[in-house]
Amino acid sequence: MVKTNHLRQHDSDLFHDPVLYRQLVGRLLYLTNTRPDIAFCTQQLSQFMGNPTIIHYKALTRVFRFLKTTPGQGLFFSANSIVQIKGFADSDWATCPDTRKSISGYCMFIGDSLVSWKAKKQNTVSRSSSEAEYRALAIASCEIEWLTFLLNDLCIDYKSPALLYCDSNSARYIAANSVFHERTKHIEIDCHVTRERLQNKLFHLLPIDTKEQVADIMTKALEPATFNYLLSKLGVLNIYSPT
């Protein structure tokens, strides 16, 4: 998607064939099961299924042109990957121009293999970037717990704590420090969800540089160079590109 363009509800005339728009977005929804590179744009486009406009359709066709040029692109799963859950959580604060809600995104790896990812608009408006980041941490911590239970159900003995990376210093401080009461009253449930799992050593919360935050690709449109760099970090390869 174009980095400087933010799709909104009534940005142009209505598209003449909304049924076609819904059918095409529906195909993208299925394709995100193997193509995490289109997760964010699919999340954005699926918001306008009721009344798509011409600009929404142009953004949709841009995604299909990208897919047409990368038919051999997909996830690579290494045969030598270790059993270690690693997660990356991020958010883009107040990014929706219509509701000012933030976008949460996470990527979950087992070893070097991407196994779970999501781009989702948050249910409520966050009053600060720290709050938006913390809500993303809460969602990611629940996903880590689910993956841990799944490995146990598959009779895979996994006892070591997962690693969860976050590029927000304030969100990490809130998770580690229960003293920030005045600043966290309005997100108390998310605070308890994340802090309880952190104290139970389900995961270690670690810092990461914003440039290396792979979940960034789930929360916003990026420049081509940044997009391709993070795509390689996700383990997405093109079988037709030269090695």
C-alpha atoms as a PDB file:
ATOM      1  CA  MET A   1       0.000   0.000   0.000  1.00  0.00           C
ATOM      2  CA  VAL A   2       1.041   3.615  -0.486  1.00  0.00           C
ATOM      3  CA  LYS A   3       2.587   4.834   2.754  1.00  0.00           C
ATOM      4  CA  THR A   4       1.133   8.354   2.583  1.00  0.00           C
ATOM      5  CA  ASN A   5      -2.450   7.289   1.758  1.00  0.00           C
ATOM      6  CA  HIS A   6      -4.846   6.476   4.603  1.00  0.00           C
ATOM      7  CA  LEU A   7      -8.104   4.875   3.507  1.00  0.00           C
ATOM      8  CA  ARG A   8     -11.285   6.335   5.008  1.00  0.00           C
ATOM      9  CA  GLN A   9     -15.003   5.698   4.715  1.00  0.00           C
ATOM     10  CA  HIS A  10     -16.126   8.483   2.358  1.00  0.00           C
ATOM     11  CA  ASP A  11     -13.040   9.459   0.387  1.00  0.00           C
ATOM     12  CA  SER A  12     -14.548   9.286  -3.134  1.00  0.00           C
ATOM     13  CA  ASP A  13     -17.594   8.142  -5.116  1.00  0.00           C
ATOM     14  CA  LEU A  14     -19.003   4.699  -4.410  1.00  0.00           C
ATOM     15  CA  PHE A  15     -17.657   1.810  -6.477  1.00  0.00           C
ATOM     16  CA  HIS A  16     -20.242   0.653  -9.033  1.00  0.00           C
ATOM     17  CA  ASP A  17     -19.937  -3.085  -8.208  1.00  0.00           C
ATOM     18  CA  PRO A  18     -19.659  -3.656  -4.428  1.00  0.00           C
ATOM     19  CA  VAL A  19     -20.278  -7.413  -4.872  1.00  0.00           C
ATOM     20  CA  LEU A  20     -17.088  -7.713  -6.938  1.00  0.00           C
ATOM     21  CA  TYR A  21     -15.171  -5.797  -4.264  1.00  0.00           C
ATOM     22  CA  ARG A  22     -16.419  -8.180  -1.540  1.00  0.00           C
ATOM     23  CA  GLN A  23     -15.529 -11.238  -3.620  1.00  0.00           C
ATOM     24  CA  LEU A  24     -11.983 -10.016  -4.215  1.00  0.00           C
ATOM     25  CA  VAL A  25     -11.403  -9.102  -0.564  1.00  0.00           C
ATOM     26  CA  GLY A  26     -12.774 -12.510   0.398  1.00  0.00           C
ATOM     27  CA  ARG A  27     -10.091 -14.127  -1.744  1.00  0.00           C
ATOM     28  CA  LEU A  28      -7.435 -12.043  -0.002  1.00  0.00           C
ATOM     29  CA  LEU A  29      -8.720 -13.197   3.393  1.00  0.00           C
ATOM     30  CA  TYR A  30      -8.065 -16.826   2.423  1.00  0.00           C
ATOM     31  CA  LEU A  31      -4.686 -15.955   0.941  1.00  0.00           C
ATOM     32  CA  THR A  32      -3.451 -14.395   4.207  1.00  0.00           C
ATOM     33  CA  ASN A  33      -3.217 -17.952   5.593  1.00  0.00           C
ATOM     34  CA  THR A  34       0.024 -18.331   3.624  1.00  0.00           C
ATOM     35  CA  ARG A  35       0.916 -14.725   2.767  1.00  0.00           C
ATOM     36  CA  PRO A  36       1.616 -12.625   5.874  1.00  0.00           C
ATOM     37  CA  ASP A  37       2.914  -9.850   3.610  1.00  0.00           C
ATOM     38  CA  ILE A  38      -0.669  -8.875   2.711  1.00  0.00           C
ATOM     39  CA  ALA A  39      -2.144  -9.155   6.230  1.00  0.00           C
ATOM     40  CA  PHE A  40      -2.181  -5.410   6.892  1.00  0.00           C
ATOM     41  CA  CYS A  41      -3.590  -4.336   3.531  1.00  0.00           C
ATOM     42  CA  THR A  42      -6.276  -7.034   3.755  1.00  0.00           C
ATOM     43  CA  GLN A  43      -7.234  -5.779   7.208  1.00  0.00           C
ATOM     44  CA  GLN A  44      -7.510  -2.251   5.843  1.00  0.00           C
ATOM     45  CA  LEU A  45      -9.539  -3.185   2.761  1.00  0.00           C
ATOM     46  CA  SER A  46     -11.948  -5.467   4.647  1.00  0.00           C
ATOM     47  CA  GLN A  47     -13.208  -2.480   6.669  1.00  0.00           C
ATOM     48  CA  PHE A  48     -15.078  -1.119   3.652  1.00  0.00           C
ATOM     49  CA  MET A  49     -17.050  -4.154   2.523  1.00  0.00           C
ATOM     50  CA  GLY A  50     -20.381  -2.374   3.067  1.00  0.00           C
ATOM     51  CA  ASN A  51     -19.794   0.720   0.936  1.00  0.00           C
ATOM     52  CA  PRO A  52     -16.545   0.474  -1.033  1.00  0.00           C
ATOM     53  CA  THR A  53     -15.456   3.551  -2.968  1.00  0.00           C
ATOM     54  CA  ILE A  54     -13.411   3.951  -6.136  1.00  0.00           C
ATOM     55  CA  ILE A  55     -10.271   4.702  -4.123  1.00  0.00           C
ATOM     56  CA  HIS A  56     -10.786   1.511  -2.108  1.00  0.00           C
ATOM     57  CA  TYR A  57     -11.053  -0.484  -5.333  1.00  0.00           C
ATOM     58  CA  LYS A  58      -7.880   1.119  -6.712  1.00  0.00           C
ATOM     59  CA  ALA A  59      -6.047   0.153  -3.513  1.00  0.00           C
ATOM     60  CA  LEU A  60      -7.419  -3.382  -3.906  1.00  0.00           C
ATOM     61  CA  THR A  61      -6.196  -3.701  -7.500  1.00  0.00           C
ATOM     62  CA  ARG A  62      -2.768  -2.486  -6.365  1.00  0.00           C
ATOM     63  CA  VAL A  63      -2.591  -5.480  -3.997  1.00  0.00           C
ATOM     64  CA  PHE A  64      -3.529  -7.860  -6.815  1.00  0.00           C
ATOM     65  CA  ARG A  65      -0.839  -6.374  -9.058  1.00  0.00           C
ATOM     66  CA  PHE A  66       1.660  -7.076  -6.282  1.00  0.00           C
ATOM     67  CA  LEU A  67       0.405 -10.672  -6.001  1.00  0.00           C
ATOM     68  CA  LYS A  68       0.641 -11.139  -9.769  1.00  0.00           C
ATOM     69  CA  THR A  69       4.336 -10.215  -9.718  1.00  0.00           C
ATOM     70  CA  THR A  70       5.082 -12.590  -6.791  1.00  0.00           C
ATOM     71  CA  PRO A  71       3.285 -15.891  -7.548  1.00  0.00           C
ATOM     72  CA  GLY A  72       6.050 -17.979  -5.959  1.00  0.00           C
ATOM     73  CA  GLN A  73       6.241 -16.084  -2.706  1.00  0.00           C
ATOM     74  CA  GLY A  74       5.438 -17.877   0.539  1.00  0.00           C
ATOM     75  CA  LEU A  75       6.630 -19.009   3.941  1.00  0.00           C
ATOM     76  CA  PHE A  76       9.754 -21.110   4.334  1.00  0.00           C
ATOM     77  CA  PHE A  77       9.852 -23.628   7.184  1.00  0.00           C
ATOM     78  CA  SER A  78      13.308 -24.840   8.125  1.00  0.00           C
ATOM     79  CA  ALA A  79      13.823 -28.517   8.945  1.00  0.00           C
ATOM     80  CA  ASN A  80      16.478 -27.620  11.518  1.00  0.00           C
ATOM     81  CA  SER A  81      14.519 -25.058  13.515  1.00  0.00           C
ATOM     82  CA  ILE A  82      14.671 -25.321  17.310  1.00  0.00           C
ATOM     83  CA  VAL A  83      11.543 -25.371  19.481  1.00  0.00           C
ATOM     84  CA  GLN A  84      11.648 -21.858  20.903  1.00  0.00           C
ATOM     85  CA  ILE A  85       8.651 -19.532  20.803  1.00  0.00           C
ATOM     86  CA  LYS A  86       9.554 -15.980  19.808  1.00  0.00           C
ATOM     87  CA  GLY A  87       7.042 -13.192  19.457  1.00  0.00           C
ATOM     88  CA  PHE A  88       7.029  -9.609  18.181  1.00  0.00           C
ATOM     89  CA  ALA A  89       4.260  -7.190  19.161  1.00  0.00           C
ATOM     90  CA  ASP A  90       3.673  -3.684  17.841  1.00  0.00           C
ATOM     91  CA  SER A  91       0.949  -1.108  17.282  1.00  0.00           C
ATOM     92  CA  ASP A  92       0.367   2.013  15.227  1.00  0.00           C
ATOM     93  CA  TRP A  93      -1.306   4.605  17.436  1.00  0.00           C
ATOM     94  CA  ALA A  94      -4.573   6.262  16.290  1.00  0.00           C
ATOM     95  CA  THR A  95      -3.940   5.278  12.694  1.00  0.00           C
ATOM     96  CA  CYS A  96      -7.600   5.007  11.621  1.00  0.00           C
ATOM     97  CA  PRO A  97      -8.720   8.431  10.299  1.00  0.00           C
ATOM     98  CA  ASP A  98     -12.409   7.656  10.887  1.00  0.00           C
ATOM     99  CA  THR A  99     -12.342   6.305  14.460  1.00  0.00           C
ATOM    100  CA  ARG A 100      -8.792   7.097  15.659  1.00  0.00           C
ATOM    101  CA  LYS A 101      -8.432   3.512  16.832  1.00  0.00           C
ATOM    102  CA  SER A 102      -4.997   1.913  16.741  1.00  0.00           C
ATOM    103  CA  ILE A 103      -3.827  -1.135  14.804  1.00  0.00           C
ATOM    104  CA  SER A 104      -2.308  -4.049  16.729  1.00  0.00           C
ATOM    105  CA  GLY A 105      -0.011  -6.549  15.102  1.00  0.00           C
ATOM    106  CA  TYR A 106       2.011  -9.547  16.190  1.00  0.00           C
ATOM    107  CA  CYS A 107       4.174 -12.260  14.651  1.00  0.00           C
ATOM    108  CA  MET A 108       4.891 -15.565  16.393  1.00  0.00           C
ATOM    109  CA  PHE A 109       7.786 -17.833  15.511  1.00  0.00           C
ATOM    110  CA  ILE A 110       8.739 -21.346  16.555  1.00  0.00           C
ATOM    111  CA  GLY A 111      12.465 -21.200  16.052  1.00  0.00           C
ATOM    112  CA  ASP A 112      12.922 -19.369  12.754  1.00  0.00           C
ATOM    113  CA  SER A 113       9.545 -20.399  11.316  1.00  0.00           C
ATOM    114  CA  LEU A 114       6.607 -17.999  11.324  1.00  0.00           C
ATOM    115  CA  VAL A 115       3.531 -19.876  12.567  1.00  0.00           C
ATOM    116  CA  SER A 116       1.067 -17.188  13.664  1.00  0.00           C
ATOM    117  CA  TRP A 117       0.411 -13.547  12.792  1.00  0.00           C
ATOM    118  CA  LYS A 118      -2.364 -10.974  13.000  1.00  0.00           C
ATOM    119  CA  ALA A 119      -3.194  -7.401  12.022  1.00  0.00           C
ATOM    120  CA  LYS A 120      -6.291  -6.105  13.816  1.00  0.00           C
ATOM    121  CA  LYS A 121      -7.884  -2.795  14.724  1.00  0.00           C
ATOM    122  CA  GLN A 122      -8.189  -2.372  18.489  1.00  0.00           C
ATOM    123  CA  ASN A 123     -11.676  -2.405  19.991  1.00  0.00           C
ATOM    124  CA  THR A 124     -11.325   0.907  21.850  1.00  0.00           C
ATOM    125  CA  VAL A 125      -9.553   4.215  21.309  1.00  0.00           C
ATOM    126  CA  SER A 126      -6.189   4.421  23.085  1.00  0.00           C
ATOM    127  CA  ARG A 127      -5.373   7.721  24.761  1.00  0.00           C
ATOM    128  CA  SER A 128      -1.618   7.313  24.360  1.00  0.00           C
ATOM    129  CA  SER A 129       0.882   5.385  22.280  1.00  0.00           C
ATOM    130  CA  SER A 130       1.918   3.488  25.436  1.00  0.00           C
ATOM    131  CA  GLU A 131      -1.627   2.269  25.899  1.00  0.00           C
ATOM    132  CA  ALA A 132      -1.855   1.161  22.272  1.00  0.00           C
ATOM    133  CA  GLU A 133       1.457  -0.712  22.567  1.00  0.00           C
ATOM    134  CA  TYR A 134       0.356  -2.338  25.803  1.00  0.00           C
ATOM    135  CA  ARG A 135      -2.883  -3.597  24.274  1.00  0.00           C
ATOM    136  CA  ALA A 136      -0.790  -5.189  21.524  1.00  0.00           C
ATOM    137  CA  LEU A 137       1.343  -6.842  24.227  1.00  0.00           C
ATOM    138  CA  ALA A 138      -1.766  -8.234  25.907  1.00  0.00           C
ATOM    139  CA  ILE A 139      -2.979  -9.834  22.655  1.00  0.00           C
ATOM    140  CA  ALA A 140       0.484 -11.236  21.938  1.00  0.00           C
ATOM    141  CA  SER A 141       0.810 -12.707  25.444  1.00  0.00           C
ATOM    142  CA  CYS A 142      -2.481 -14.570  24.990  1.00  0.00           C
ATOM    143  CA  GLU A 143      -1.205 -15.970  21.677  1.00  0.00           C
ATOM    144  CA  ILE A 144       2.007 -17.140  23.347  1.00  0.00           C
ATOM    145  CA  GLU A 145      -0.014 -18.932  26.017  1.00  0.00           C
ATOM    146  CA  TRP A 146      -2.149 -20.616  23.347  1.00  0.00           C
ATOM    147  CA  LEU A 147       0.932 -21.773  21.410  1.00  0.00           C
ATOM    148  CA  THR A 148       2.440 -23.173  24.617  1.00  0.00           C
ATOM    149  CA  PHE A 149      -0.729 -25.155  25.316  1.00  0.00           C
ATOM    150  CA  LEU A 150      -0.787 -26.351  21.693  1.00  0.00           C
ATOM    151  CA  LEU A 151       2.767 -27.689  21.903  1.00  0.00           C
ATOM    152  CA  ASN A 152       1.882 -29.542  25.116  1.00  0.00           C
ATOM    153  CA  ASP A 153      -1.221 -31.028  23.455  1.00  0.00           C
ATOM    154  CA  LEU A 154       1.029 -32.260  20.644  1.00  0.00           C
ATOM    155  CA  CYS A 155       3.203 -33.992  23.277  1.00  0.00           C
ATOM    156  CA  ILE A 156       6.100 -31.624  22.667  1.00  0.00           C
ATOM    157  CA  ASP A 157       7.833 -30.936  25.951  1.00  0.00           C
ATOM    158  CA  TYR A 158       8.244 -27.169  26.004  1.00  0.00           C
ATOM    159  CA  LYS A 159       9.147 -25.654  29.380  1.00  0.00           C
ATOM    160  CA  SER A 160      11.428 -22.704  28.626  1.00  0.00           C
ATOM    161  CA  PRO A 161       9.928 -19.179  28.626  1.00  0.00           C
ATOM    162  CA  ALA A 162       9.014 -17.637  25.300  1.00  0.00           C
ATOM    163  CA  LEU A 163      10.689 -14.436  24.111  1.00  0.00           C
ATOM    164  CA  LEU A 164       8.461 -11.445  23.388  1.00  0.00           C
ATOM    165  CA  TYR A 165      10.028  -8.378  21.760  1.00  0.00           C
ATOM    166  CA  CYS A 166       8.578  -4.875  22.081  1.00  0.00           C
ATOM    167  CA  ASP A 167      10.072  -1.594  20.853  1.00  0.00           C
ATOM    168  CA  SER A 168       8.145   0.589  23.337  1.00  0.00           C
ATOM    169  CA  ASN A 169      10.083   1.373  26.517  1.00  0.00           C
ATOM    170  CA  SER A 170       7.006   2.700  28.325  1.00  0.00           C
ATOM    171  CA  ALA A 171       4.962  -0.450  27.591  1.00  0.00           C
ATOM    172  CA  ARG A 172       7.757  -2.641  28.928  1.00  0.00           C
ATOM    173  CA  TYR A 173       8.064  -0.512  32.077  1.00  0.00           C
ATOM    174  CA  ILE A 174       4.328  -0.783  32.734  1.00  0.00           C
ATOM    175  CA  ALA A 175       4.511  -4.565  32.357  1.00  0.00           C
ATOM    176  CA  ALA A 176       7.388  -4.800  34.831  1.00  0.00           C
ATOM    177  CA  ASN A 177       6.302  -2.134  37.319  1.00  0.00           C
ATOM    178  CA  SER A 178       2.962  -2.278  39.156  1.00  0.00           C
ATOM    179  CA  VAL A 179       3.507   1.191  40.642  1.00  0.00           C
ATOM    180  CA  PHE A 180       2.297   3.049  37.514  1.00  0.00           C
ATOM    181  CA  HIS A 181      -1.253   3.028  38.880  1.00  0.00           C
ATOM    182  CA  GLU A 182      -2.469   6.452  37.753  1.00  0.00           C
ATOM    183  CA  ARG A 183      -1.296   5.872  34.203  1.00  0.00           C
ATOM    184  CA  THR A 184      -2.772   2.402  33.864  1.00  0.00           C
ATOM    185  CA  LYS A 185      -6.180   2.543  35.575  1.00  0.00           C
ATOM    186  CA  HIS A 186      -8.078   2.690  32.289  1.00  0.00           C
ATOM    187  CA  ILE A 187      -6.246  -0.357  30.887  1.00  0.00           C
ATOM    188  CA  GLU A 188      -6.287  -2.352  34.099  1.00  0.00           C
ATOM    189  CA  ILE A 189      -7.507  -5.617  32.555  1.00  0.00           C
ATOM    190  CA  ASP A 190      -4.816  -5.624  29.870  1.00  0.00           C
ATOM    191  CA  CYS A 191      -2.260  -4.759  32.565  1.00  0.00           C
ATOM    192  CA  HIS A 192      -3.231  -7.776  34.639  1.00  0.00           C
ATOM    193  CA  VAL A 193      -3.363 -10.082  31.595  1.00  0.00           C
ATOM    194  CA  THR A 194       0.175  -9.238  30.530  1.00  0.00           C
ATOM    195  CA  ARG A 195       1.756  -8.807  33.960  1.00  0.00           C
ATOM    196  CA  GLU A 196       0.343 -12.099  35.279  1.00  0.00           C
ATOM    197  CA  ARG A 197       1.858 -14.059  32.402  1.00  0.00           C
ATOM    198  CA  LEU A 198       5.131 -12.169  32.751  1.00  0.00           C
ATOM    199  CA  GLN A 199       5.356 -12.912  36.476  1.00  0.00           C
ATOM    200  CA  ASN A 200       4.533 -16.577  35.850  1.00  0.00           C
ATOM    201  CA  LYS A 201       7.560 -16.652  33.515  1.00  0.00           C
ATOM    202  CA  LEU A 202       5.494 -17.634  30.504  1.00  0.00           C
ATOM    203  CA  PHE A 203       7.683 -15.253  28.504  1.00  0.00           C
ATOM    204  CA  HIS A 204      10.540 -12.792  28.842  1.00  0.00           C
ATOM    205  CA  LEU A 205       9.800  -9.249  27.659  1.00  0.00           C
ATOM    206  CA  LEU A 206      12.783  -7.926  25.730  1.00  0.00           C
ATOM    207  CA  PRO A 207      13.599  -4.638  23.968  1.00  0.00           C
ATOM    208  CA  ILE A 208      14.192  -4.379  20.250  1.00  0.00           C
ATOM    209  CA  ASP A 209      15.130  -1.582  17.891  1.00  0.00           C
ATOM    210  CA  THR A 210      12.234  -0.174  15.874  1.00  0.00           C
ATOM    211  CA  LYS A 211      14.057  -0.946  12.611  1.00  0.00           C
ATOM    212  CA  GLU A 212      14.177  -4.640  13.566  1.00  0.00           C
ATOM    213  CA  GLN A 213      10.555  -4.854  14.774  1.00  0.00           C
ATOM    214  CA  VAL A 214       9.105  -7.325  12.269  1.00  0.00           C
ATOM    215  CA  ALA A 215       5.551  -6.824  13.573  1.00  0.00           C
ATOM    216  CA  ASP A 216       5.758  -3.315  12.062  1.00  0.00           C
ATOM    217  CA  ILE A 217       4.741  -4.872   8.760  1.00  0.00           C
ATOM    218  CA  MET A 218       1.393  -5.825  10.347  1.00  0.00           C
ATOM    219  CA  THR A 219       0.504  -2.332  11.543  1.00  0.00           C
ATOM    220  CA  LYS A 220       1.245   0.163   8.764  1.00  0.00           C
ATOM    221  CA  ALA A 221       2.163   0.706   5.133  1.00  0.00           C
ATOM    222  CA  LEU A 222       5.938   0.875   4.675  1.00  0.00           C
ATOM    223  CA  GLU A 223       8.490   2.071   2.172  1.00  0.00           C
ATOM    224  CA  PRO A 224       9.502  -0.692  -0.319  1.00  0.00           C
ATOM    225  CA  ALA A 225      13.023  -1.060   1.121  1.00  0.00           C
ATOM    226  CA  THR A 226      11.756  -1.419   4.699  1.00  0.00           C
ATOM    227  CA  PHE A 227       8.926  -3.706   3.584  1.00  0.00           C
ATOM    228  CA  ASN A 228      11.261  -6.097   1.749  1.00  0.00           C
ATOM    229  CA  TYR A 229      13.762  -6.109   4.623  1.00  0.00           C
ATOM    230  CA  LEU A 230      11.120  -7.059   7.213  1.00  0.00           C
ATOM    231  CA  LEU A 231       9.665  -9.584   4.787  1.00  0.00           C
ATOM    232  CA  SER A 232      12.973 -11.444   4.741  1.00  0.00           C
ATOM    233  CA  LYS A 233      12.941 -11.431   8.561  1.00  0.00           C
ATOM    234  CA  LEU A 234       9.517 -13.110   8.496  1.00  0.00           C
ATOM    235  CA  GLY A 235      10.915 -16.024   6.509  1.00  0.00           C
ATOM    236  CA  VAL A 236       8.950 -15.182   3.360  1.00  0.00           C
ATOM    237  CA  LEU A 237      10.836 -16.325   0.255  1.00  0.00           C
ATOM    238  CA  ASN A 238      10.183 -16.250  -3.453  1.00  0.00           C
ATOM    239  CA  ILE A 239      11.019 -19.586  -5.094  1.00  0.00           C
ATOM    240  CA  TYR A 240      11.362 -17.893  -8.501  1.00  0.00           C
ATOM    241  CA  SER A 241      13.864 -15.240  -7.438  1.00  0.00           C
ATOM    242  CA  PRO A 242      17.588 -15.960  -7.968  1.00  0.00           C
ATOM    243  CA  THR A 243      19.449 -17.162  -4.888  1.00  0.00           C
END
